[in-house]
PDB file of N, CA and C in Angstrom:
ATOM      1  N   UNK A   1      10.855 -29.707  12.364  1.00  0.00           N
ATOM      2  CA  UNK A   1      10.218 -28.419  11.886  1.00  0.00           C
ATOM      3  C   UNK A   1       8.920 -28.803  11.023  1.00  0.00           C
ATOM      4  N   UNK A   2       7.556 -28.682  11.273  1.00  0.00           N
ATOM      5  CA  UNK A   2       6.512 -29.550  10.498  1.00  0.00           C
ATOM      6  C   UNK A   2       6.702 -28.499   8.934  1.00  0.00           C
ATOM      7  N   UNK A   3       5.934 -28.910   7.963  1.00  0.00           N
ATOM      8  CA  UNK A   3       5.827 -28.274   6.991  1.00  0.00           C
ATOM      9  C   UNK A   3       5.189 -27.179   6.926  1.00  0.00           C
ATOM     10  N   UNK A   4       4.256 -27.084   8.174  1.00  0.00           N
ATOM     11  CA  UNK A   4       3.465 -25.935   7.972  1.00  0.00           C
ATOM     12  C   UNK A   4       4.424 -24.777   8.898  1.00  0.00           C
ATOM     13  N   UNK A   5       4.896 -24.690   9.793  1.00  0.00           N
ATOM     14  CA  UNK A   5       5.941 -24.125  10.470  1.00  0.00           C
ATOM     15  C   UNK A   5       7.271 -23.527   9.361  1.00  0.00           C
ATOM     16  N   UNK A   6       7.712 -24.582   8.595  1.00  0.00           N
ATOM     17  CA  UNK A   6       8.529 -24.160   7.526  1.00  0.00           C
ATOM     18  C   UNK A   6       8.290 -23.286   6.457  1.00  0.00           C
ATOM     19  N   UNK A   7       6.914 -23.826   6.087  1.00  0.00           N
ATOM     20  CA  UNK A   7       5.938 -22.554   4.965  1.00  0.00           C
ATOM     21  C   UNK A   7       5.959 -21.138   5.650  1.00  0.00           C
ATOM     22  N   UNK A   8       5.534 -21.385   7.208  1.00  0.00           N
ATOM     23  CA  UNK A   8       5.442 -19.792   8.004  1.00  0.00           C
ATOM     24  C   UNK A   8       6.790 -19.176   7.802  1.00  0.00           C
ATOM     25  N   UNK A   9       7.903 -19.929   8.048  1.00  0.00           N
ATOM     26  CA  UNK A   9       8.882 -19.059   8.242  1.00  0.00           C
ATOM     27  C   UNK A   9       9.438 -18.487   6.604  1.00  0.00           C
ATOM     28  N   UNK A  10       9.415 -19.791   5.709  1.00  0.00           N
ATOM     29  CA  UNK A  10       9.524 -18.772   4.180  1.00  0.00           C
ATOM     30  C   UNK A  10       8.634 -17.352   4.177  1.00  0.00           C
ATOM     31  N   UNK A  11       7.302 -17.674   4.588  1.00  0.00           N
ATOM     32  CA  UNK A  11       6.847 -16.245   4.259  1.00  0.00           C
ATOM     33  C   UNK A  11       7.436 -15.320   4.907  1.00  0.00           C
ATOM     34  N   UNK A  12       7.337 -15.651   6.291  1.00  0.00           N
ATOM     35  CA  UNK A  12       8.027 -14.472   6.884  1.00  0.00           C
ATOM     36  C   UNK A  12       9.378 -13.847   6.104  1.00  0.00           C
ATOM     37  N   UNK A  13      10.222 -14.736   6.011  1.00  0.00           N
ATOM     38  CA  UNK A  13      11.824 -14.005   5.247  1.00  0.00           C
ATOM     39  C   UNK A  13      11.222 -13.274   4.042  1.00  0.00           C
ATOM     40  N   UNK A  14      10.264 -13.874   3.129  1.00  0.00           N
ATOM     41  CA  UNK A  14       9.882 -13.316   1.805  1.00  0.00           C
ATOM     42  C   UNK A  14       9.220 -11.562   2.423  1.00  0.00           C
ATOM     43  N   UNK A  15       8.239 -11.721   3.392  1.00  0.00           N
ATOM     44  CA  UNK A  15       7.913 -10.508   3.817  1.00  0.00           C
ATOM     45  C   UNK A  15       9.099  -9.614   4.357  1.00  0.00           C
ATOM     46  N   UNK A  16       9.788 -10.033   5.247  1.00  0.00           N
ATOM     47  CA  UNK A  16      10.941  -8.941   5.411  1.00  0.00           C
ATOM     48  C   UNK A  16      11.731  -8.827   4.107  1.00  0.00           C
ATOM     49  N   UNK A  17      12.016  -9.157   3.285  1.00  0.00           N
ATOM     50  CA  UNK A  17      13.127  -9.083   1.871  1.00  0.00           C
ATOM     51  C   UNK A  17      12.124  -7.899   1.473  1.00  0.00           C
ATOM     52  N   UNK A  18      10.695  -8.227   1.393  1.00  0.00           N
ATOM     53  CA  UNK A  18      10.070  -7.100   0.292  1.00  0.00           C
ATOM     54  C   UNK A  18       9.920  -5.754   1.164  1.00  0.00           C
ATOM     55  N   UNK A  19       9.756  -5.936   2.652  1.00  0.00           N
ATOM     56  CA  UNK A  19       9.758  -4.435   3.156  1.00  0.00           C
ATOM     57  C   UNK A  19      11.103  -3.839   2.919  1.00  0.00           C
ATOM     58  N   UNK A  20      12.147  -4.635   3.279  1.00  0.00           N
ATOM     59  CA  UNK A  20      13.693  -4.092   3.028  1.00  0.00           C
ATOM     60  C   UNK A  20      13.648  -3.426   1.522  1.00  0.00           C
ATOM     61  N   UNK A  21      12.946  -4.105   0.672  1.00  0.00           N
ATOM     62  CA  UNK A  21      13.159  -3.139  -0.790  1.00  0.00           C
ATOM     63  C   UNK A  21      11.901  -2.418  -1.039  1.00  0.00           C
ATOM     64  N   UNK A  22      10.941  -2.411   0.012  1.00  0.00           N
ATOM     65  CA  UNK A  22      10.483  -0.999  -0.174  1.00  0.00           C
ATOM     66  C   UNK A  22      10.777   0.194   0.241  1.00  0.00           C
ATOM     67  N   UNK A  23      11.870   0.135   1.885  1.00  0.00           N
ATOM     68  CA  UNK A  23      12.290   0.885   2.163  1.00  0.00           C
ATOM     69  C   UNK A  23      13.494   1.506   1.471  1.00  0.00           C
ATOM     70  N   UNK A  24      14.071   0.930   0.588  1.00  0.00           N
ATOM     71  CA  UNK A  24      15.011   1.172  -0.377  1.00  0.00           C
ATOM     72  C   UNK A  24      14.485   2.015  -1.405  1.00  0.00           C
ATOM     73  N   UNK A  25      12.929   1.677  -1.771  1.00  0.00           N
ATOM     74  CA  UNK A  25      12.511   2.235  -3.023  1.00  0.00           C
ATOM     75  C   UNK A  25      12.287   3.668  -2.638  1.00  0.00           C
ATOM     76  N   UNK A  26      11.500   3.992  -1.141  1.00  0.00           N
ATOM     77  CA  UNK A  26      10.992   4.799  -0.569  1.00  0.00           C
ATOM     78  C   UNK A  26      12.247   5.893  -0.475  1.00  0.00           C
ATOM     79  N   UNK A  27      12.861   5.659   0.171  1.00  0.00           N
ATOM     80  CA  UNK A  27      14.518   6.285   0.336  1.00  0.00           C
ATOM     81  C   UNK A  27      14.786   6.848  -1.129  1.00  0.00           C
ATOM     82  N   UNK A  28      14.789   6.166  -1.995  1.00  0.00           N
ATOM     83  CA  UNK A  28      15.376   6.552  -3.457  1.00  0.00           C
ATOM     84  C   UNK A  28      14.022   7.564  -3.693  1.00  0.00           C
ATOM     85  N   UNK A  29      12.873   7.419  -3.705  1.00  0.00           N
ATOM     86  CA  UNK A  29      11.821   8.099  -4.072  1.00  0.00           C
ATOM     87  C   UNK A  29      11.958   9.540  -3.490  1.00  0.00           C
ATOM     88  N   UNK A  30      11.707   9.377  -2.284  1.00  0.00           N
ATOM     89  CA  UNK A  30      12.294  10.584  -1.490  1.00  0.00           C
ATOM     90  C   UNK A  30      13.442  11.586  -1.694  1.00  0.00           C
ATOM     91  N   UNK A  31      14.408  10.793  -2.149  1.00  0.00           N
ATOM     92  CA  UNK A  31      15.471  11.384  -2.238  1.00  0.00           C
ATOM     93  C   UNK A  31      15.576  12.323  -3.719  1.00  0.00           C
ATOM     94  N   UNK A  32      14.963  11.689  -4.888  1.00  0.00           N
ATOM     95  CA  UNK A  32      14.804  12.278  -6.100  1.00  0.00           C
ATOM     96  C   UNK A  32      13.696  13.221  -6.393  1.00  0.00           C
ATOM     97  N   UNK A  33      12.706  12.897  -5.415  1.00  0.00           N
ATOM     98  CA  UNK A  33      11.169  14.060  -6.306  1.00  0.00           C
ATOM     99  C   UNK A  33      11.068  14.974  -5.084  1.00  0.00           C
ATOM    100  N   UNK A  34      10.554  16.114  -5.829  1.00  0.00           N
ATOM    101  CA  UNK A  34      10.521  17.136  -4.360  1.00  0.00           C
ATOM    102  C   UNK A  34       9.507  16.617  -3.228  1.00  0.00           C
ATOM    103  N   UNK A  35       9.275  17.155  -2.509  1.00  0.00           N
ATOM    104  CA  UNK A  35       8.301  16.789  -1.253  1.00  0.00           C
ATOM    105  C   UNK A  35       6.880  16.804  -1.536  1.00  0.00           C
ATOM    106  N   UNK A  36       6.674  17.821  -2.460  1.00  0.00           N
ATOM    107  CA  UNK A  36       5.563  18.298  -2.713  1.00  0.00           C
ATOM    108  C   UNK A  36       4.639  16.951  -3.372  1.00  0.00           C
ATOM    109  N   UNK A  37       5.312  16.487  -4.431  1.00  0.00           N
ATOM    110  CA  UNK A  37       5.136  15.357  -5.397  1.00  0.00           C
ATOM    111  C   UNK A  37       5.081  14.365  -4.313  1.00  0.00           C
ATOM    112  N   UNK A  38       6.125  13.820  -3.649  1.00  0.00           N
ATOM    113  CA  UNK A  38       5.995  12.858  -2.728  1.00  0.00           C
ATOM    114  C   UNK A  38       4.995  12.587  -2.012  1.00  0.00           C
ATOM    115  N   UNK A  39       4.476  13.705  -1.304  1.00  0.00           N
ATOM    116  CA  UNK A  39       3.165  13.792  -0.457  1.00  0.00           C
ATOM    117  C   UNK A  39       1.746  13.381  -1.306  1.00  0.00           C
ATOM    118  N   UNK A  40       2.000  14.160  -2.722  1.00  0.00           N
ATOM    119  CA  UNK A  40       0.796  14.177  -3.464  1.00  0.00           C
ATOM    120  C   UNK A  40       0.443  12.834  -4.186  1.00  0.00           C
ATOM    121  N   UNK A  41       1.755  12.217  -4.460  1.00  0.00           N
ATOM    122  CA  UNK A  41       1.609  10.463  -4.804  1.00  0.00           C
ATOM    123  C   UNK A  41       1.150   9.711  -3.812  1.00  0.00           C
ATOM    124  N   UNK A  42       1.641  10.111  -2.571  1.00  0.00           N
ATOM    125  CA  UNK A  42       1.249   9.363  -1.156  1.00  0.00           C
ATOM    126  C   UNK A  42      -0.351   9.471  -1.024  1.00  0.00           C
ATOM    127  N   UNK A  43      -0.874  10.521  -0.965  1.00  0.00           N
ATOM    128  CA  UNK A  43      -1.954  10.942  -0.889  1.00  0.00           C
ATOM    129  C   UNK A  43      -3.164  10.160  -2.099  1.00  0.00           C
ATOM    130  N   UNK A  44      -2.683  10.341  -3.371  1.00  0.00           N
ATOM    131  CA  UNK A  44      -3.241   9.804  -4.372  1.00  0.00           C
ATOM    132  C   UNK A  44      -3.364   8.196  -4.190  1.00  0.00           C
ATOM    133  N   UNK A  45      -2.115   7.592  -3.784  1.00  0.00           N
ATOM    134  CA  UNK A  45      -2.328   6.128  -3.654  1.00  0.00           C
ATOM    135  C   UNK A  45      -3.029   5.633  -2.476  1.00  0.00           C
ATOM    136  N   UNK A  46      -3.120   6.493  -1.340  1.00  0.00           N
ATOM    137  CA  UNK A  46      -3.968   6.157  -0.184  1.00  0.00           C
ATOM    138  C   UNK A  46      -5.685   6.106  -0.837  1.00  0.00           C
ATOM    139  N   UNK A  47      -5.564   7.180  -1.428  1.00  0.00           N
ATOM    140  CA  UNK A  47      -7.042   7.477  -1.843  1.00  0.00           C
ATOM    141  C   UNK A  47      -7.620   6.302  -2.803  1.00  0.00           C
ATOM    142  N   UNK A  48      -6.634   5.967  -3.947  1.00  0.00           N
ATOM    143  CA  UNK A  48      -7.027   5.116  -4.698  1.00  0.00           C
ATOM    144  C   UNK A  48      -7.291   3.929  -3.997  1.00  0.00           C
ATOM    145  N   UNK A  49      -6.716   3.516  -2.939  1.00  0.00           N
ATOM    146  CA  UNK A  49      -6.818   2.200  -2.139  1.00  0.00           C
ATOM    147  C   UNK A  49      -7.902   2.227  -1.442  1.00  0.00           C
ATOM    148  N   UNK A  50      -8.751   3.751  -0.770  1.00  0.00           N
ATOM    149  CA  UNK A  50      -9.581   3.952  -0.281  1.00  0.00           C
ATOM    150  C   UNK A  50     -10.946   3.640  -1.112  1.00  0.00           C
ATOM    151  N   UNK A  51     -10.696   3.802  -2.242  1.00  0.00           N
ATOM    152  CA  UNK A  51     -11.801   3.782  -3.109  1.00  0.00           C
ATOM    153  C   UNK A  51     -12.172   2.247  -3.627  1.00  0.00           C
ATOM    154  N   UNK A  52     -10.858   1.617  -3.574  1.00  0.00           N
ATOM    155  CA  UNK A  52     -11.122  -0.034  -3.959  1.00  0.00           C
ATOM    156  C   UNK A  52     -11.643  -0.388  -2.501  1.00  0.00           C
ATOM    157  N   UNK A  53     -11.394  -0.193  -1.584  1.00  0.00           N
ATOM    158  CA  UNK A  53     -11.720  -0.691  -0.140  1.00  0.00           C
ATOM    159  C   UNK A  53     -13.835  -0.667  -0.559  1.00  0.00           C
ATOM    160  N   UNK A  54     -14.024   0.353  -0.878  1.00  0.00           N
ATOM    161  CA  UNK A  54     -15.279   0.845  -0.689  1.00  0.00           C
ATOM    162  C   UNK A  54     -16.027   0.300  -1.723  1.00  0.00           C
ATOM    163  N   UNK A  55     -15.285  -0.093  -2.900  1.00  0.00           N
ATOM    164  CA  UNK A  55     -16.045  -0.582  -3.968  1.00  0.00           C
ATOM    165  C   UNK A  55     -15.994  -2.231  -3.796  1.00  0.00           C
ATOM    166  N   UNK A  56     -15.254  -2.800  -2.834  1.00  0.00           N
ATOM    167  CA  UNK A  56     -15.223  -3.808  -2.489  1.00  0.00           C
ATOM    168  C   UNK A  56     -16.447  -4.097  -1.832  1.00  0.00           C
ATOM    169  N   UNK A  57     -16.815  -3.330  -0.588  1.00  0.00           N
ATOM    170  CA  UNK A  57     -17.817  -3.059   0.041  1.00  0.00           C
ATOM    171  C   UNK A  57     -18.853  -2.678  -0.314  1.00  0.00           C
ATOM    172  N   UNK A  58     -19.108  -2.423  -1.862  1.00  0.00           N
ATOM    173  CA  UNK A  58     -20.503  -2.431  -2.521  1.00  0.00           C
ATOM    174  C   UNK A  58     -20.878  -1.155  -2.426  1.00  0.00           C
ATOM    175  N   UNK A  59     -19.814  -0.014  -1.915  1.00  0.00           N
ATOM    176  CA  UNK A  59     -20.420   1.317  -1.965  1.00  0.00           C
ATOM    177  C   UNK A  59     -20.285   1.781  -3.569  1.00  0.00           C
ATOM    178  N   UNK A  60     -21.122   2.654  -4.028  1.00  0.00           N
ATOM    179  CA  UNK A  60     -21.133   3.059  -5.421  1.00  0.00           C
ATOM    180  C   UNK A  60     -20.503   4.396  -5.268  1.00  0.00           C
ATOM    181  N   UNK A  61     -19.167   4.461  -5.596  1.00  0.00           N
ATOM    182  CA  UNK A  61     -18.550   5.555  -5.453  1.00  0.00           C
ATOM    183  C   UNK A  61     -18.768   6.510  -6.467  1.00  0.00           C
ATOM    184  N   UNK A  62     -19.351   6.346  -7.424  1.00  0.00           N
ATOM    185  CA  UNK A  62     -19.853   7.446  -8.725  1.00  0.00           C
ATOM    186  C   UNK A  62     -21.013   8.376  -7.907  1.00  0.00           C
ATOM    187  N   UNK A  63     -21.746   7.460  -6.984  1.00  0.00           N
ATOM    188  CA  UNK A  63     -22.669   8.439  -6.300  1.00  0.00           C
ATOM    189  C   UNK A  63     -22.037   9.713  -5.599  1.00  0.00           C
ATOM    190  N   UNK A  64     -22.101  10.863  -5.593  1.00  0.00           N
ATOM    191  CA  UNK A  64     -21.782  12.242  -5.079  1.00  0.00           C
ATOM    192  C   UNK A  64     -21.888  12.205  -3.383  1.00  0.00           C
ATOM    193  N   UNK A  65     -22.854  11.388  -3.022  1.00  0.00           N
ATOM    194  CA  UNK A  65     -22.521  11.672  -1.798  1.00  0.00           C
ATOM    195  C   UNK A  65     -22.202  10.248  -0.915  1.00  0.00           C
ATOM    196  N   UNK A  66     -21.529   9.504  -1.782  1.00  0.00           N
ATOM    197  CA  UNK A  66     -20.663   8.410  -1.147  1.00  0.00           C
ATOM    198  C   UNK A  66     -19.608   8.541  -0.487  1.00  0.00           C
ATOM    199  N   UNK A  67     -18.691   9.868  -0.876  1.00  0.00           N
ATOM    200  CA  UNK A  67     -17.724  10.074  -0.257  1.00  0.00           C
ATOM    201  C   UNK A  67     -17.719  11.381   0.423  1.00  0.00           C
ATOM    202  N   UNK A  68     -18.749  11.828   0.524  1.00  0.00           N
ATOM    203  CA  UNK A  68     -18.955  13.074   1.416  1.00  0.00           C
ATOM    204  C   UNK A  68     -18.784  12.502   3.067  1.00  0.00           C
ATOM    205  N   UNK A  69     -18.487  13.630   3.871  1.00  0.00           N
ATOM    206  CA  UNK A  69     -18.855  13.319   5.549  1.00  0.00           C
ATOM    207  C   UNK A  69     -20.344  13.399   6.023  1.00  0.00           C
TER     208      UNK A  69
END
């Protein structure tokens, strides 16, 4: 196994472990919070991520027309 293959294998292992952790955290989140809160926080997270992507693309998100359809 080359050094590169070994590195990729380690990266995959870390990714799988993080994914398992995320699943456990999500299950805990879903089990301890009202459904409406879960939906709210997920939508908020997704919107913040969307705004970050727009900002990285150079879109001025302070512009009122930037986020309208």
